[in-house]
Structure formats: structure tokens, C-alpha cells
């Protein structure tokens, strides 16, 4: 475990006693979706996503413990294993459990985060040598657009870049169908901030002008996305969980991914090598196609979950 992750865990545990005061079983507040997977969503534990009843005062940890055999470390604030699948070393690489709420990496420990009715809680066990942090994922769509975070909806800024008007209209419609009510069009120069979600739509050569998007060119260690576009935008390398290029998108290739900067809400990126690729990415913005994927590429009409499973990758 890196010093950085250990320091973060210690910081979380320091506040657990105060955060835990008053946590007790209360009346039901509604359903919460609980998903537990491994290898970046590639394999579900048991039956995959399930609706669980949340009670007043419930935490993410308590919700998990009601359904799974959970072993913890560091005073109960850090999940060490779920149903026998433990953190540590896997195939010579560091691996641990991580969790996301409405597609956003949780900033606090599971014993501290109180669940809110309607939330989508996703635990995934994966290697993290190539990406110590994955700040946002697309596999909980229509979250975080539908209900935001901790019961508070975020306004959404749709940024149409270049000649992507038709694809941008497609994304606008799909977000509207997902229940987004506070949606406005914006320019690329407008940053998101802590409580504004952005969706960038356009060819990579133009979308890359945004600093959050441009982080993808530095690889998953910088962006948390297992795709690395070229600065010219005519190719997008698709990476495995170790950060190695497995295949490359060229003409017609599309990508749906999410990332963020420090202290910012996620920025979603709907892009491609050309207009055809952008249209293919926009068409993929559905719950069915994005479900349990950290990011999604579209290659010649075929969906490619990211990171790429190298054992199943086409040449």
C-alpha cells in the first residue's frame, strides 16, 4: 500500500469516532442500489446489483455488511475483504477494494458515509498500480446526473465543441430522458467547480483544449481513464489494467469517460477520433451500455469496456 493511500486512510479514521456518534437503526428511508464487482466491473459477485433497504443513520459500511461477509482493518473503517476476496497483492500487483457513490469516488471511509435513498453504491476490487485514483466512472449512469450526491442534485453544463451539434443534441436528449432538469449549454472555457457537472461533446482534437480532458493524454495515473488519445486526435490507445496499450481506435472510434480535477465535480467526456466516432459515443450514453463500466470505447460499432481485458481483446 502506498504512503499516499495509507495517509488518506489514517485521515479518515481520525474523524470516525465523531462521525459515528448517533448512528443507529431507524426507519426505512428508501432503496439503495448496491453493486459489488471485481476487475473494474468485469465480474459481479453473486447476482450483481441489488436493491437494498436503507435505514436512517445507515452507512455504506453497514449496508455492505448486511449482505456480504466483510472483514475490516484500521479500526473498522477500511474494507480488507468481501466474501473472502481480500486486498493486498494479486498477480504481483497491488489490489484493493474501492467504492463509488453515484459514479463518484468516495472522499471518505465507508464507515463515515451515510447512505441516502436512491443512491447507487458500487464496490469494486481491482489492481491500482497503473491508477492510484479513479475519480469518476460512467457505469452508474444515469447517475450522477439524476440525483447528484448526498441527495443534492447538481446543475449540468453541456459543452458542445466544434461541429458536434447533432451529437450534442443527442446527448442533451439522453440526459433529459435520464431526468436531468437543470441543464444549460456552456462554452469550453467555463470550468465546472465543486457542484456543477460538465459533459464535453466533440472530436478529441478540439475537446482536448479543456485541461481536465487533456489529462487523458497523460494516461490513467493522471486521469483515472484507461484510454490515451493522441494530441492530434486521430487515434485513441485503449489500455489494460496495467496501463499497456492493447488496441487502438482510429477512424470512427468513440469514447465515453469521466474524470475530474482537485475539488471539482466530475467532467464527462463524449468524444471520438472524428464526427462518426463522436456520434457513436453519444449513442452509447444509455444505462444498458454503460452499466458497470469504468469507461467505454466504441470500435467499429462494438462496445469495448475499459480497461481492456487483454485475454479477450481483439488484435
C-alpha atoms as a PDB file:
ATOM      1  CA  UNK A   1       0.000   0.000   0.000  1.00  0.00           C
ATOM      2  CA  UNK A   2       1.372   3.410  -0.926  1.00  0.00           C
ATOM      3  CA  UNK A   3       2.143   6.047   1.697  1.00  0.00           C
ATOM      4  CA  UNK A   4      -0.402   8.272  -0.014  1.00  0.00           C
ATOM      5  CA  UNK A   5      -3.261   5.750   0.397  1.00  0.00           C
ATOM      6  CA  UNK A   6      -2.231   4.919   3.970  1.00  0.00           C
ATOM      7  CA  UNK A   7      -2.179   8.616   4.889  1.00  0.00           C
ATOM      8  CA  UNK A   8      -5.648   9.048   3.400  1.00  0.00           C
ATOM      9  CA  UNK A   9      -6.962   6.095   5.387  1.00  0.00           C
ATOM     10  CA  UNK A  10      -5.474   7.419   8.632  1.00  0.00           C
ATOM     11  CA  UNK A  11      -7.031  10.828   7.986  1.00  0.00           C
ATOM     12  CA  UNK A  12     -10.441   9.228   7.501  1.00  0.00           C
ATOM     13  CA  UNK A  13     -10.119   7.116  10.632  1.00  0.00           C
ATOM     14  CA  UNK A  14      -9.235  10.189  12.681  1.00  0.00           C
ATOM     15  CA  UNK A  15     -12.734  11.511  12.197  1.00  0.00           C
ATOM     16  CA  UNK A  16     -14.635   8.245  12.515  1.00  0.00           C
ATOM     17  CA  UNK A  17     -15.442   8.430  16.228  1.00  0.00           C
ATOM     18  CA  UNK A  18     -17.135  11.816  15.851  1.00  0.00           C
ATOM     19  CA  UNK A  19     -18.825  10.820  12.599  1.00  0.00           C
ATOM     20  CA  UNK A  20     -20.146   7.614  14.110  1.00  0.00           C
ATOM     21  CA  UNK A  21     -21.910   9.259  17.039  1.00  0.00           C
ATOM     22  CA  UNK A  22     -25.631   8.768  16.854  1.00  0.00           C
ATOM     23  CA  UNK A  23     -25.533   6.093  14.136  1.00  0.00           C
ATOM     24  CA  UNK A  24     -28.340   3.713  14.903  1.00  0.00           C
ATOM     25  CA  UNK A  25     -31.068   1.796  13.203  1.00  0.00           C
ATOM     26  CA  UNK A  26     -34.020   3.969  12.299  1.00  0.00           C
ATOM     27  CA  UNK A  27     -36.968   3.919   9.970  1.00  0.00           C
ATOM     28  CA  UNK A  28     -36.544   2.978   6.326  1.00  0.00           C
ATOM     29  CA  UNK A  29     -35.575   5.865   4.074  1.00  0.00           C
ATOM     30  CA  UNK A  30     -35.901   4.012   0.739  1.00  0.00           C
ATOM     31  CA  UNK A  31     -33.986   1.810  -1.658  1.00  0.00           C
ATOM     32  CA  UNK A  32     -30.263   1.968  -2.386  1.00  0.00           C
ATOM     33  CA  UNK A  33     -28.610   0.075  -5.244  1.00  0.00           C
ATOM     34  CA  UNK A  34     -25.640  -1.995  -4.078  1.00  0.00           C
ATOM     35  CA  UNK A  35     -23.225  -3.459  -6.634  1.00  0.00           C
ATOM     36  CA  UNK A  36     -20.108  -5.478  -5.820  1.00  0.00           C
ATOM     37  CA  UNK A  37     -17.707  -6.422  -8.617  1.00  0.00           C
ATOM     38  CA  UNK A  38     -14.091  -7.186  -9.310  1.00  0.00           C
ATOM     39  CA  UNK A  39     -11.569  -6.277 -12.029  1.00  0.00           C
ATOM     40  CA  UNK A  40     -13.051  -2.895 -12.959  1.00  0.00           C
ATOM     41  CA  UNK A  41     -16.598  -4.208 -13.184  1.00  0.00           C
ATOM     42  CA  UNK A  42     -15.731  -7.210 -15.343  1.00  0.00           C
ATOM     43  CA  UNK A  43     -17.177  -9.752 -12.915  1.00  0.00           C
ATOM     44  CA  UNK A  44     -20.073  -9.427 -10.464  1.00  0.00           C
ATOM     45  CA  UNK A  45     -20.086 -11.056  -7.060  1.00  0.00           C
ATOM     46  CA  UNK A  46     -23.269 -13.087  -6.652  1.00  0.00           C
ATOM     47  CA  UNK A  47     -26.099 -11.616  -8.736  1.00  0.00           C
ATOM     48  CA  UNK A  48     -24.637  -8.155  -9.284  1.00  0.00           C
ATOM     49  CA  UNK A  49     -26.626  -5.017  -8.485  1.00  0.00           C
ATOM     50  CA  UNK A  50     -29.376  -5.387  -5.893  1.00  0.00           C
ATOM     51  CA  UNK A  51     -31.887  -3.086  -4.277  1.00  0.00           C
ATOM     52  CA  UNK A  52     -31.286  -2.769  -0.537  1.00  0.00           C
ATOM     53  CA  UNK A  53     -33.433  -1.006   2.030  1.00  0.00           C
ATOM     54  CA  UNK A  54     -31.657   1.906   3.682  1.00  0.00           C
ATOM     55  CA  UNK A  55     -32.496   2.963   7.212  1.00  0.00           C
ATOM     56  CA  UNK A  56     -31.922   6.274   8.922  1.00  0.00           C
ATOM     57  CA  UNK A  57     -28.321   6.506  10.070  1.00  0.00           C
ATOM     58  CA  UNK A  58     -27.137   3.709   7.754  1.00  0.00           C
ATOM     59  CA  UNK A  59     -23.588   3.971   6.463  1.00  0.00           C
ATOM     60  CA  UNK A  60     -22.110   2.426   3.333  1.00  0.00           C
ATOM     61  CA  UNK A  61     -20.208   0.008   5.569  1.00  0.00           C
ATOM     62  CA  UNK A  62     -23.326  -1.098   7.418  1.00  0.00           C
ATOM     63  CA  UNK A  63     -25.211  -1.552   4.145  1.00  0.00           C
ATOM     64  CA  UNK A  64     -22.418  -3.747   2.803  1.00  0.00           C
ATOM     65  CA  UNK A  65     -22.158  -5.804   5.992  1.00  0.00           C
ATOM     66  CA  UNK A  66     -25.861  -6.683   5.918  1.00  0.00           C
ATOM     67  CA  UNK A  67     -25.409  -8.536   2.624  1.00  0.00           C
ATOM     68  CA  UNK A  68     -21.774  -9.673   2.490  1.00  0.00           C
ATOM     69  CA  UNK A  69     -19.160 -11.224   4.769  1.00  0.00           C
ATOM     70  CA  UNK A  70     -16.911  -8.207   5.362  1.00  0.00           C
ATOM     71  CA  UNK A  71     -13.565  -8.096   7.160  1.00  0.00           C
ATOM     72  CA  UNK A  72     -12.132  -4.692   8.058  1.00  0.00           C
ATOM     73  CA  UNK A  73      -8.856  -3.102   9.129  1.00  0.00           C
ATOM     74  CA  UNK A  74      -7.767   0.121  10.823  1.00  0.00           C
ATOM     75  CA  UNK A  75     -10.449   0.111  13.487  1.00  0.00           C
ATOM     76  CA  UNK A  76     -13.266  -0.953  11.180  1.00  0.00           C
ATOM     77  CA  UNK A  77     -13.018   1.960   8.752  1.00  0.00           C
ATOM     78  CA  UNK A  78     -11.274   0.178   5.845  1.00  0.00           C
ATOM     79  CA  UNK A  79     -12.624  -2.846   3.967  1.00  0.00           C
ATOM     80  CA  UNK A  80      -9.998  -5.566   3.772  1.00  0.00           C
ATOM     81  CA  UNK A  81     -12.117  -8.351   2.235  1.00  0.00           C
ATOM     82  CA  UNK A  82     -15.605  -9.047   0.941  1.00  0.00           C
ATOM     83  CA  UNK A  83     -16.734 -12.661   0.838  1.00  0.00           C
ATOM     84  CA  UNK A  84     -13.112 -13.772   1.117  1.00  0.00           C
ATOM     85  CA  UNK A  85     -11.757 -11.587  -1.709  1.00  0.00           C
ATOM     86  CA  UNK A  86      -9.074  -9.545   0.037  1.00  0.00           C
ATOM     87  CA  UNK A  87      -6.878  -6.582  -0.703  1.00  0.00           C
ATOM     88  CA  UNK A  88      -3.116  -6.991  -0.946  1.00  0.00           C
ATOM     89  CA  UNK A  89      -1.202  -8.494  -3.847  1.00  0.00           C
ATOM     90  CA  UNK A  90      -2.861 -10.091  -6.863  1.00  0.00           C
ATOM     91  CA  UNK A  91      -0.810 -11.495  -9.751  1.00  0.00           C
ATOM     92  CA  UNK A  92       2.128  -9.489  -8.448  1.00  0.00           C
ATOM     93  CA  UNK A  93       0.165  -6.216  -8.436  1.00  0.00           C
ATOM     94  CA  UNK A  94      -1.369  -4.182  -5.629  1.00  0.00           C
ATOM     95  CA  UNK A  95      -5.136  -4.616  -5.382  1.00  0.00           C
ATOM     96  CA  UNK A  96      -7.764  -3.270  -3.006  1.00  0.00           C
ATOM     97  CA  UNK A  97     -11.454  -2.527  -2.599  1.00  0.00           C
ATOM     98  CA  UNK A  98     -12.711   0.883  -3.755  1.00  0.00           C
ATOM     99  CA  UNK A  99     -16.222   2.282  -3.667  1.00  0.00           C
ATOM    100  CA  UNK A 100     -18.173   4.846  -5.656  1.00  0.00           C
ATOM    101  CA  UNK A 101     -21.437   6.601  -4.857  1.00  0.00           C
ATOM    102  CA  UNK A 102     -23.431   7.659  -7.922  1.00  0.00           C
ATOM    103  CA  UNK A 103     -20.334   7.156 -10.049  1.00  0.00           C
ATOM    104  CA  UNK A 104     -18.092   9.397  -7.934  1.00  0.00           C
ATOM    105  CA  UNK A 105     -15.136   8.099  -5.952  1.00  0.00           C
ATOM    106  CA  UNK A 106     -15.994   8.410  -2.270  1.00  0.00           C
ATOM    107  CA  UNK A 107     -13.887  11.015  -0.437  1.00  0.00           C
ATOM    108  CA  UNK A 108     -14.414   9.412   2.995  1.00  0.00           C
ATOM    109  CA  UNK A 109     -14.332   5.956   4.522  1.00  0.00           C
ATOM    110  CA  UNK A 110     -17.294   3.601   4.193  1.00  0.00           C
ATOM    111  CA  UNK A 111     -17.976   3.748   7.950  1.00  0.00           C
ATOM    112  CA  UNK A 112     -18.418   7.522   7.685  1.00  0.00           C
ATOM    113  CA  UNK A 113     -20.519   7.925   4.555  1.00  0.00           C
ATOM    114  CA  UNK A 114     -24.232   7.913   5.352  1.00  0.00           C
ATOM    115  CA  UNK A 115     -26.349   6.490   2.567  1.00  0.00           C
ATOM    116  CA  UNK A 116     -29.234   8.424   1.044  1.00  0.00           C
ATOM    117  CA  UNK A 117     -32.275   6.822  -0.557  1.00  0.00           C
ATOM    118  CA  UNK A 118     -31.849   6.411  -4.293  1.00  0.00           C
ATOM    119  CA  UNK A 119     -28.055   6.279  -4.243  1.00  0.00           C
ATOM    120  CA  UNK A 120     -26.060   3.851  -6.358  1.00  0.00           C
ATOM    121  CA  UNK A 121     -23.241   2.348  -4.245  1.00  0.00           C
ATOM    122  CA  UNK A 122     -20.643   0.385  -6.217  1.00  0.00           C
ATOM    123  CA  UNK A 123     -17.755  -1.554  -4.688  1.00  0.00           C
ATOM    124  CA  UNK A 124     -15.022  -2.850  -6.976  1.00  0.00           C
ATOM    125  CA  UNK A 125     -11.882  -4.853  -6.231  1.00  0.00           C
ATOM    126  CA  UNK A 126      -9.089  -4.067  -8.679  1.00  0.00           C
ATOM    127  CA  UNK A 127      -5.387  -3.570  -9.196  1.00  0.00           C
ATOM    128  CA  UNK A 128      -4.246   0.008  -8.766  1.00  0.00           C
ATOM    129  CA  UNK A 129      -0.593   0.108  -9.820  1.00  0.00           C
ATOM    130  CA  UNK A 130      -1.493   1.913 -13.064  1.00  0.00           C
ATOM    131  CA  UNK A 131      -4.047   4.272 -11.495  1.00  0.00           C
ATOM    132  CA  UNK A 132      -3.914   5.002  -7.796  1.00  0.00           C
ATOM    133  CA  UNK A 133      -7.074   7.060  -8.149  1.00  0.00           C
ATOM    134  CA  UNK A 134     -10.100   6.764 -10.439  1.00  0.00           C
ATOM    135  CA  UNK A 135     -12.109   9.881  -9.543  1.00  0.00           C
ATOM    136  CA  UNK A 136     -15.237   9.073 -11.553  1.00  0.00           C
ATOM    137  CA  UNK A 137     -16.782   6.241 -13.564  1.00  0.00           C
ATOM    138  CA  UNK A 138     -19.570   6.070 -16.147  1.00  0.00           C
ATOM    139  CA  UNK A 139     -21.073   2.735 -15.066  1.00  0.00           C
ATOM    140  CA  UNK A 140     -23.680   4.163 -12.690  1.00  0.00           C
ATOM    141  CA  UNK A 141     -25.436   6.167 -15.437  1.00  0.00           C
ATOM    142  CA  UNK A 142     -27.872   7.938 -15.216  1.00  0.00           C
ATOM    143  CA  UNK A 143     -26.020   8.907 -12.043  1.00  0.00           C
ATOM    144  CA  UNK A 144     -24.654  11.321 -11.015  1.00  0.00           C
ATOM    145  CA  UNK A 145     -26.927  13.329 -13.313  1.00  0.00           C
ATOM    146  CA  UNK A 146     -30.237  12.002 -11.972  1.00  0.00           C
ATOM    147  CA  UNK A 147     -29.754  12.633  -8.246  1.00  0.00           C
ATOM    148  CA  UNK A 148     -26.291  14.123  -7.755  1.00  0.00           C
ATOM    149  CA  UNK A 149     -24.543  13.460  -4.460  1.00  0.00           C
ATOM    150  CA  UNK A 150     -25.843  13.012  -0.893  1.00  0.00           C
ATOM    151  CA  UNK A 151     -29.357  13.839  -2.022  1.00  0.00           C
ATOM    152  CA  UNK A 152     -28.376  17.094  -3.722  1.00  0.00           C
ATOM    153  CA  UNK A 153     -28.724  17.428  -7.487  1.00  0.00           C
ATOM    154  CA  UNK A 154     -26.010  19.129  -9.495  1.00  0.00           C
ATOM    155  CA  UNK A 155     -26.732  21.525 -12.357  1.00  0.00           C
ATOM    156  CA  UNK A 156     -25.333  20.192 -15.639  1.00  0.00           C
ATOM    157  CA  UNK A 157     -23.380  22.154 -18.242  1.00  0.00           C
ATOM    158  CA  UNK A 158     -23.404  20.672 -21.728  1.00  0.00           C
ATOM    159  CA  UNK A 159     -20.398  21.856 -23.714  1.00  0.00           C
ATOM    160  CA  UNK A 160     -20.666  21.382 -27.485  1.00  0.00           C
ATOM    161  CA  UNK A 161     -17.256  21.724 -29.121  1.00  0.00           C
ATOM    162  CA  UNK A 162     -16.641  22.311 -32.816  1.00  0.00           C
ATOM    163  CA  UNK A 163     -19.087  20.806 -35.315  1.00  0.00           C
ATOM    164  CA  UNK A 164     -20.682  18.372 -32.862  1.00  0.00           C
ATOM    165  CA  UNK A 165     -24.142  19.971 -32.819  1.00  0.00           C
ATOM    166  CA  UNK A 166     -26.016  16.826 -33.863  1.00  0.00           C
ATOM    167  CA  UNK A 167     -24.213  14.598 -31.355  1.00  0.00           C
ATOM    168  CA  UNK A 168     -24.615  17.266 -28.694  1.00  0.00           C
ATOM    169  CA  UNK A 169     -28.375  17.317 -29.306  1.00  0.00           C
ATOM    170  CA  UNK A 170     -28.363  13.538 -28.911  1.00  0.00           C
ATOM    171  CA  UNK A 171     -26.573  13.808 -25.561  1.00  0.00           C
ATOM    172  CA  UNK A 172     -28.969  16.575 -24.497  1.00  0.00           C
ATOM    173  CA  UNK A 173     -31.947  14.313 -25.207  1.00  0.00           C
ATOM    174  CA  UNK A 174     -30.446  11.332 -23.384  1.00  0.00           C
ATOM    175  CA  UNK A 175     -29.697  13.424 -20.317  1.00  0.00           C
ATOM    176  CA  UNK A 176     -33.228  14.788 -20.389  1.00  0.00           C
ATOM    177  CA  UNK A 177     -34.606  11.253 -20.609  1.00  0.00           C
ATOM    178  CA  UNK A 178     -32.440  10.394 -17.587  1.00  0.00           C
ATOM    179  CA  UNK A 179     -34.222  13.029 -15.529  1.00  0.00           C
ATOM    180  CA  UNK A 180     -31.787  15.949 -15.783  1.00  0.00           C
ATOM    181  CA  UNK A 181     -33.722  19.155 -15.182  1.00  0.00           C
ATOM    182  CA  UNK A 182     -31.041  21.805 -14.613  1.00  0.00           C
ATOM    183  CA  UNK A 183     -29.164  21.601 -17.911  1.00  0.00           C
ATOM    184  CA  UNK A 184     -27.583  24.552 -19.704  1.00  0.00           C
ATOM    185  CA  UNK A 185     -25.280  24.970 -22.666  1.00  0.00           C
ATOM    186  CA  UNK A 186     -21.844  26.382 -21.934  1.00  0.00           C
ATOM    187  CA  UNK A 187     -18.512  27.178 -23.540  1.00  0.00           C
ATOM    188  CA  UNK A 188     -15.355  25.165 -23.097  1.00  0.00           C
ATOM    189  CA  UNK A 189     -13.798  27.998 -21.135  1.00  0.00           C
ATOM    190  CA  UNK A 190     -16.289  27.610 -18.267  1.00  0.00           C
ATOM    191  CA  UNK A 191     -14.983  25.326 -15.534  1.00  0.00           C
ATOM    192  CA  UNK A 192     -17.299  23.081 -13.562  1.00  0.00           C
ATOM    193  CA  UNK A 193     -16.445  23.707  -9.936  1.00  0.00           C
ATOM    194  CA  UNK A 194     -17.460  21.645  -6.913  1.00  0.00           C
ATOM    195  CA  UNK A 195     -21.168  21.384  -7.644  1.00  0.00           C
ATOM    196  CA  UNK A 196     -21.528  21.565 -11.425  1.00  0.00           C
ATOM    197  CA  UNK A 197     -21.292  18.535 -13.684  1.00  0.00           C
ATOM    198  CA  UNK A 198     -19.939  19.108 -17.173  1.00  0.00           C
ATOM    199  CA  UNK A 199     -20.414  16.980 -20.284  1.00  0.00           C
ATOM    200  CA  UNK A 200     -17.967  17.741 -23.104  1.00  0.00           C
ATOM    201  CA  UNK A 201     -19.042  16.612 -26.571  1.00  0.00           C
ATOM    202  CA  UNK A 202     -16.802  16.831 -29.632  1.00  0.00           C
ATOM    203  CA  UNK A 203     -13.830  15.487 -31.548  1.00  0.00           C
ATOM    204  CA  UNK A 204     -10.812  14.824 -29.377  1.00  0.00           C
ATOM    205  CA  UNK A 205      -8.642  17.302 -31.275  1.00  0.00           C
ATOM    206  CA  UNK A 206     -10.992  20.044 -30.025  1.00  0.00           C
ATOM    207  CA  UNK A 207     -12.141  18.639 -26.667  1.00  0.00           C
ATOM    208  CA  UNK A 208      -8.501  18.387 -25.535  1.00  0.00           C
ATOM    209  CA  UNK A 209      -8.406  22.161 -25.110  1.00  0.00           C
ATOM    210  CA  UNK A 210     -10.061  21.554 -21.753  1.00  0.00           C
ATOM    211  CA  UNK A 211      -7.433  20.834 -19.049  1.00  0.00           C
ATOM    212  CA  UNK A 212      -9.446  18.049 -17.386  1.00  0.00           C
ATOM    213  CA  UNK A 213      -9.976  16.298 -20.698  1.00  0.00           C
ATOM    214  CA  UNK A 214      -6.354  16.803 -21.734  1.00  0.00           C
ATOM    215  CA  UNK A 215      -5.304  14.797 -18.679  1.00  0.00           C
ATOM    216  CA  UNK A 216      -6.306  11.643 -20.569  1.00  0.00           C
ATOM    217  CA  UNK A 217      -3.251  12.108 -22.782  1.00  0.00           C
ATOM    218  CA  UNK A 218      -1.054  11.525 -19.707  1.00  0.00           C
ATOM    219  CA  UNK A 219      -2.567   8.124 -19.054  1.00  0.00           C
ATOM    220  CA  UNK A 220      -4.591   6.566 -16.208  1.00  0.00           C
ATOM    221  CA  UNK A 221      -2.185   7.658 -13.477  1.00  0.00           C
ATOM    222  CA  UNK A 222      -3.210  11.248 -14.222  1.00  0.00           C
ATOM    223  CA  UNK A 223      -6.853  10.842 -15.286  1.00  0.00           C
ATOM    224  CA  UNK A 224      -8.083   7.508 -13.955  1.00  0.00           C
ATOM    225  CA  UNK A 225      -9.166   6.624 -17.509  1.00  0.00           C
ATOM    226  CA  UNK A 226      -7.641   3.632 -19.309  1.00  0.00           C
ATOM    227  CA  UNK A 227      -7.543   5.351 -22.693  1.00  0.00           C
ATOM    228  CA  UNK A 228      -4.831   7.642 -24.039  1.00  0.00           C
ATOM    229  CA  UNK A 229      -5.721   9.815 -27.053  1.00  0.00           C
ATOM    230  CA  UNK A 230      -3.006  11.316 -29.225  1.00  0.00           C
ATOM    231  CA  UNK A 231      -2.767  15.131 -29.239  1.00  0.00           C
ATOM    232  CA  UNK A 232      -3.760  15.160 -32.912  1.00  0.00           C
ATOM    233  CA  UNK A 233      -6.900  13.232 -32.021  1.00  0.00           C
ATOM    234  CA  UNK A 234      -6.675  10.735 -34.872  1.00  0.00           C
ATOM    235  CA  UNK A 235      -6.023   7.755 -32.576  1.00  0.00           C
ATOM    236  CA  UNK A 236      -7.017   6.655 -29.074  1.00  0.00           C
ATOM    237  CA  UNK A 237      -4.973   3.933 -27.385  1.00  0.00           C
ATOM    238  CA  UNK A 238      -7.033   1.532 -25.260  1.00  0.00           C
ATOM    239  CA  UNK A 239      -5.189   0.203 -22.223  1.00  0.00           C
ATOM    240  CA  UNK A 240      -5.363  -2.841 -19.976  1.00  0.00           C
ATOM    241  CA  UNK A 241      -5.359  -2.659 -16.185  1.00  0.00           C
ATOM    242  CA  UNK A 242      -1.553  -2.438 -16.168  1.00  0.00           C
ATOM    243  CA  UNK A 243      -1.614   0.623 -18.415  1.00  0.00           C
ATOM    244  CA  UNK A 244      -0.356  -1.196 -21.520  1.00  0.00           C
ATOM    245  CA  UNK A 245      -1.791  -0.420 -24.953  1.00  0.00           C
ATOM    246  CA  UNK A 246      -3.852  -3.389 -26.128  1.00  0.00           C
ATOM    247  CA  UNK A 247      -5.574  -1.934 -29.171  1.00  0.00           C
ATOM    248  CA  UNK A 248      -6.002   1.466 -30.827  1.00  0.00           C
ATOM    249  CA  UNK A 249      -9.049   3.304 -32.122  1.00  0.00           C
ATOM    250  CA  UNK A 250      -8.708   5.064 -35.460  1.00  0.00           C
ATOM    251  CA  UNK A 251     -11.396   6.427 -37.808  1.00  0.00           C
ATOM    252  CA  UNK A 252     -14.893   6.103 -36.346  1.00  0.00           C
ATOM    253  CA  UNK A 253     -13.678   5.344 -32.828  1.00  0.00           C
ATOM    254  CA  UNK A 254     -15.626   6.757 -29.880  1.00  0.00           C
ATOM    255  CA  UNK A 255     -15.075   7.135 -26.142  1.00  0.00           C
ATOM    256  CA  UNK A 256     -17.276   7.832 -23.103  1.00  0.00           C
ATOM    257  CA  UNK A 257     -15.253   8.556 -19.961  1.00  0.00           C
ATOM    258  CA  UNK A 258     -15.305  10.640 -16.798  1.00  0.00           C
ATOM    259  CA  UNK A 259     -12.551  12.357 -14.832  1.00  0.00           C
ATOM    260  CA  UNK A 260     -12.121  15.328 -12.534  1.00  0.00           C
ATOM    261  CA  UNK A 261      -9.638  17.771 -11.093  1.00  0.00           C
ATOM    262  CA  UNK A 262      -8.998  18.533  -7.461  1.00  0.00           C
ATOM    263  CA  UNK A 263     -12.086  19.809  -5.634  1.00  0.00           C
ATOM    264  CA  UNK A 264     -14.246  19.560  -8.772  1.00  0.00           C
ATOM    265  CA  UNK A 265     -17.333  17.600  -9.700  1.00  0.00           C
ATOM    266  CA  UNK A 266     -16.775  15.055 -12.496  1.00  0.00           C
ATOM    267  CA  UNK A 267     -16.406  16.072 -16.114  1.00  0.00           C
ATOM    268  CA  UNK A 268     -17.853  13.549 -18.558  1.00  0.00           C
ATOM    269  CA  UNK A 269     -16.223  13.315 -21.984  1.00  0.00           C
ATOM    270  CA  UNK A 270     -18.160  12.115 -25.032  1.00  0.00           C
ATOM    271  CA  UNK A 271     -15.600  12.165 -27.808  1.00  0.00           C
ATOM    272  CA  UNK A 272     -14.090  10.385 -30.779  1.00  0.00           C
ATOM    273  CA  UNK A 273     -11.413  10.473 -33.426  1.00  0.00           C
ATOM    274  CA  UNK A 274     -13.842  12.128 -35.863  1.00  0.00           C
ATOM    275  CA  UNK A 275     -17.515  13.094 -36.158  1.00  0.00           C
ATOM    276  CA  UNK A 276     -18.531   9.469 -36.710  1.00  0.00           C
ATOM    277  CA  UNK A 277     -16.743   8.483 -33.510  1.00  0.00           C
ATOM    278  CA  UNK A 278     -18.400  11.288 -31.539  1.00  0.00           C
ATOM    279  CA  UNK A 279     -21.809  10.143 -32.794  1.00  0.00           C
ATOM    280  CA  UNK A 280     -21.002   6.568 -31.784  1.00  0.00           C
ATOM    281  CA  UNK A 281     -20.040   7.742 -28.287  1.00  0.00           C
ATOM    282  CA  UNK A 282     -23.211   9.834 -27.950  1.00  0.00           C
ATOM    283  CA  UNK A 283     -25.336   6.827 -28.927  1.00  0.00           C
ATOM    284  CA  UNK A 284     -23.663   4.795 -26.154  1.00  0.00           C
ATOM    285  CA  UNK A 285     -24.952   7.136 -23.447  1.00  0.00           C
ATOM    286  CA  UNK A 286     -27.507   4.656 -22.101  1.00  0.00           C
ATOM    287  CA  UNK A 287     -27.833   2.792 -18.822  1.00  0.00           C
ATOM    288  CA  UNK A 288     -27.745  -0.565 -20.577  1.00  0.00           C
ATOM    289  CA  UNK A 289     -24.499   0.052 -22.465  1.00  0.00           C
ATOM    290  CA  UNK A 290     -22.605   1.860 -19.706  1.00  0.00           C
ATOM    291  CA  UNK A 291     -23.648  -0.379 -16.808  1.00  0.00           C
ATOM    292  CA  UNK A 292     -20.720  -1.491 -14.586  1.00  0.00           C
ATOM    293  CA  UNK A 293     -18.092   0.021 -16.912  1.00  0.00           C
ATOM    294  CA  UNK A 294     -15.431   2.406 -15.651  1.00  0.00           C
ATOM    295  CA  UNK A 295     -15.277   3.876 -19.178  1.00  0.00           C
ATOM    296  CA  UNK A 296     -16.441   2.683 -22.587  1.00  0.00           C
ATOM    297  CA  UNK A 297     -14.887   2.794 -26.049  1.00  0.00           C
ATOM    298  CA  UNK A 298     -16.768   2.081 -29.274  1.00  0.00           C
ATOM    299  CA  UNK A 299     -14.779   0.424 -32.053  1.00  0.00           C
ATOM    300  CA  UNK A 300     -16.487  -0.303 -35.393  1.00  0.00           C
ATOM    301  CA  UNK A 301     -19.845  -0.437 -33.647  1.00  0.00           C
ATOM    302  CA  UNK A 302     -18.649  -2.762 -30.874  1.00  0.00           C
ATOM    303  CA  UNK A 303     -18.510  -1.737 -27.215  1.00  0.00           C
ATOM    304  CA  UNK A 304     -15.121  -2.117 -25.532  1.00  0.00           C
ATOM    305  CA  UNK A 305     -15.222  -1.760 -21.716  1.00  0.00           C
ATOM    306  CA  UNK A 306     -12.160  -0.080 -20.211  1.00  0.00           C
ATOM    307  CA  UNK A 307      -9.672  -1.094 -19.044  1.00  0.00           C
ATOM    308  CA  UNK A 308      -9.479  -3.681 -21.798  1.00  0.00           C
ATOM    309  CA  UNK A 309      -9.484  -7.319 -20.762  1.00  0.00           C
ATOM    310  CA  UNK A 310      -6.296  -8.361 -22.534  1.00  0.00           C
ATOM    311  CA  UNK A 311      -7.366 -12.008 -22.650  1.00  0.00           C
ATOM    312  CA  UNK A 312     -10.468 -11.085 -24.652  1.00  0.00           C
ATOM    313  CA  UNK A 313      -9.047  -8.207 -26.711  1.00  0.00           C
ATOM    314  CA  UNK A 314      -9.247  -8.326 -30.478  1.00  0.00           C
ATOM    315  CA  UNK A 315      -5.929  -7.811 -32.305  1.00  0.00           C
END
